[in-house]
Amino acid sequence: MTSKELLYVEDALSHEQFMQKCSKNASSQLQDQALSDYLKELETKHTELFNKFLNLL
């Protein structure tokens, strides 16, 4: 893997981790259950994407 590709993967990992954290925080603060459930699904999706990028290393 080139250094440029490694930087891309590291950047993608940071983005997915940030989105995971934001989704988790927002879902815990919402009173609308449907919206909270949707954000929990997004959190799961970002966790899966994070793991996929991590497996590239």
N, C-alpha and C. Protein backbone atom coordinates (compact mmCIF):
# COMPACT_ATOMS: atom_id res chain seq x y z
N MET A 1 0.86 -1.17 0.00
CA MET A 1 0.00 0.00 0.00
C MET A 1 0.91 1.23 0.00
N THR A 2 0.59 2.17 -0.87
CA THR A 2 1.39 3.39 -0.94
C THR A 2 1.05 4.30 0.23
N SER A 3 1.91 5.28 0.45
CA SER A 3 1.65 6.21 1.56
C SER A 3 0.40 7.03 1.30
N LYS A 4 0.11 7.34 0.04
CA LYS A 4 -1.10 8.10 -0.29
C LYS A 4 -2.35 7.26 0.00
N GLU A 5 -2.30 5.99 -0.34
CA GLU A 5 -3.42 5.09 -0.06
C GLU A 5 -3.61 4.92 1.44
N LEU A 6 -2.52 4.83 2.17
CA LEU A 6 -2.59 4.71 3.62
C LEU A 6 -3.23 5.95 4.24
N LEU A 7 -2.87 7.13 3.73
CA LEU A 7 -3.49 8.37 4.22
C LEU A 7 -4.98 8.38 3.95
N TYR A 8 -5.39 7.88 2.79
CA TYR A 8 -6.81 7.81 2.46
C TYR A 8 -7.55 6.90 3.44
N VAL A 9 -6.99 5.74 3.72
CA VAL A 9 -7.64 4.79 4.63
C VAL A 9 -7.71 5.38 6.03
N GLU A 10 -6.64 6.02 6.48
CA GLU A 10 -6.65 6.65 7.80
C GLU A 10 -7.71 7.75 7.88
N ASP A 11 -7.84 8.52 6.81
CA ASP A 11 -8.84 9.58 6.76
C ASP A 11 -10.25 8.98 6.80
N ALA A 12 -10.45 7.92 6.04
CA ALA A 12 -11.76 7.26 6.02
C ALA A 12 -12.10 6.68 7.40
N LEU A 13 -11.10 6.11 8.07
CA LEU A 13 -11.33 5.59 9.43
C LEU A 13 -11.76 6.70 10.38
N SER A 14 -11.09 7.84 10.28
CA SER A 14 -11.44 8.98 11.14
C SER A 14 -12.86 9.46 10.88
N HIS A 15 -13.23 9.54 9.60
CA HIS A 15 -14.58 9.98 9.26
C HIS A 15 -15.63 9.01 9.78
N GLU A 16 -15.39 7.72 9.60
CA GLU A 16 -16.37 6.73 10.07
C GLU A 16 -16.49 6.74 11.59
N GLN A 17 -15.38 6.90 12.26
CA GLN A 17 -15.40 6.96 13.73
C GLN A 17 -16.17 8.20 14.19
N PHE A 18 -15.97 9.32 13.52
CA PHE A 18 -16.67 10.55 13.86
C PHE A 18 -18.18 10.39 13.64
N MET A 19 -18.56 9.82 12.49
CA MET A 19 -19.98 9.64 12.19
C MET A 19 -20.63 8.66 13.16
N GLN A 20 -19.89 7.64 13.55
CA GLN A 20 -20.39 6.68 14.54
C GLN A 20 -20.68 7.38 15.86
N LYS A 21 -19.73 8.20 16.30
CA LYS A 21 -19.88 8.92 17.56
C LYS A 21 -21.05 9.91 17.50
N CYS A 22 -21.16 10.64 16.40
CA CYS A 22 -22.26 11.60 16.25
C CYS A 22 -23.62 10.91 16.24
N SER A 23 -23.71 9.80 15.53
CA SER A 23 -24.97 9.05 15.46
C SER A 23 -25.37 8.55 16.84
N LYS A 24 -24.39 8.04 17.58
CA LYS A 24 -24.68 7.51 18.91
C LYS A 24 -25.14 8.63 19.85
N ASN A 25 -24.44 9.76 19.82
CA ASN A 25 -24.80 10.88 20.70
C ASN A 25 -26.18 11.42 20.36
N ALA A 26 -26.46 11.58 19.07
CA ALA A 26 -27.75 12.13 18.67
C ALA A 26 -28.89 11.18 19.01
N SER A 27 -28.70 9.89 18.80
CA SER A 27 -29.79 8.93 19.08
C SER A 27 -30.13 8.89 20.56
N SER A 28 -29.14 9.11 21.40
CA SER A 28 -29.41 9.07 22.84
C SER A 28 -30.12 10.33 23.34
N GLN A 29 -30.07 11.41 22.57
CA GLN A 29 -30.67 12.67 22.99
C GLN A 29 -32.07 12.90 22.41
N LEU A 30 -32.45 12.11 21.42
CA LEU A 30 -33.74 12.32 20.77
C LEU A 30 -34.89 11.69 21.54
N GLN A 31 -36.03 12.36 21.49
CA GLN A 31 -37.23 11.81 22.11
C GLN A 31 -38.09 11.05 21.11
N ASP A 32 -37.96 11.40 19.83
CA ASP A 32 -38.68 10.71 18.77
C ASP A 32 -38.07 9.32 18.58
N GLN A 33 -38.81 8.29 18.92
CA GLN A 33 -38.27 6.93 18.91
C GLN A 33 -37.89 6.47 17.50
N ALA A 34 -38.71 6.82 16.51
CA ALA A 34 -38.42 6.39 15.14
C ALA A 34 -37.11 6.99 14.65
N LEU A 35 -36.91 8.26 14.92
CA LEU A 35 -35.67 8.93 14.51
C LEU A 35 -34.48 8.39 15.29
N SER A 36 -34.68 8.13 16.56
CA SER A 36 -33.62 7.55 17.38
C SER A 36 -33.22 6.17 16.86
N ASP A 37 -34.19 5.37 16.49
CA ASP A 37 -33.91 4.04 15.94
C ASP A 37 -33.15 4.14 14.62
N TYR A 38 -33.51 5.11 13.79
CA TYR A 38 -32.82 5.31 12.52
C TYR A 38 -31.36 5.67 12.76
N LEU A 39 -31.11 6.54 13.72
CA LEU A 39 -29.73 6.92 14.01
C LEU A 39 -28.94 5.75 14.59
N LYS A 40 -29.59 4.87 15.31
CA LYS A 40 -28.91 3.66 15.80
C LYS A 40 -28.52 2.76 14.63
N GLU A 41 -29.38 2.71 13.60
CA GLU A 41 -29.04 1.95 12.39
C GLU A 41 -27.84 2.58 11.70
N LEU A 42 -27.81 3.90 11.64
CA LEU A 42 -26.67 4.59 11.04
C LEU A 42 -25.39 4.31 11.83
N GLU A 43 -25.50 4.30 13.14
CA GLU A 43 -24.34 3.99 13.97
C GLU A 43 -23.79 2.60 13.63
N THR A 44 -24.69 1.65 13.49
CA THR A 44 -24.30 0.29 13.13
C THR A 44 -23.63 0.26 11.76
N LYS A 45 -24.20 0.99 10.80
CA LYS A 45 -23.64 1.03 9.45
C LYS A 45 -22.23 1.63 9.47
N HIS A 46 -22.04 2.71 10.21
CA HIS A 46 -20.72 3.33 10.28
C HIS A 46 -19.72 2.45 11.01
N THR A 47 -20.18 1.66 11.97
CA THR A 47 -19.30 0.71 12.64
C THR A 47 -18.84 -0.36 11.65
N GLU A 48 -19.77 -0.84 10.83
CA GLU A 48 -19.42 -1.83 9.82
C GLU A 48 -18.42 -1.27 8.81
N LEU A 49 -18.66 -0.04 8.36
CA LEU A 49 -17.74 0.59 7.41
C LEU A 49 -16.36 0.81 8.03
N PHE A 50 -16.34 1.21 9.29
CA PHE A 50 -15.08 1.39 10.00
C PHE A 50 -14.29 0.08 10.01
N ASN A 51 -14.97 -1.01 10.32
CA ASN A 51 -14.31 -2.32 10.38
C ASN A 51 -13.81 -2.76 9.01
N LYS A 52 -14.57 -2.44 7.95
CA LYS A 52 -14.13 -2.79 6.60
C LYS A 52 -12.85 -2.02 6.24
N PHE A 53 -12.82 -0.73 6.55
CA PHE A 53 -11.62 0.05 6.26
C PHE A 53 -10.44 -0.46 7.11
N LEU A 54 -10.72 -0.80 8.35
CA LEU A 54 -9.67 -1.30 9.24
C LEU A 54 -9.06 -2.59 8.71
N ASN A 55 -9.88 -3.41 8.10
CA ASN A 55 -9.39 -4.68 7.57
C ASN A 55 -8.49 -4.49 6.34
N LEU A 56 -8.51 -3.30 5.75
CA LEU A 56 -7.61 -3.03 4.64
C LEU A 56 -6.16 -2.90 5.07
N LEU A 57 -5.97 -2.61 6.35
CA LEU A 57 -4.59 -2.40 6.84
C LEU A 57 -3.88 -3.69 7.15
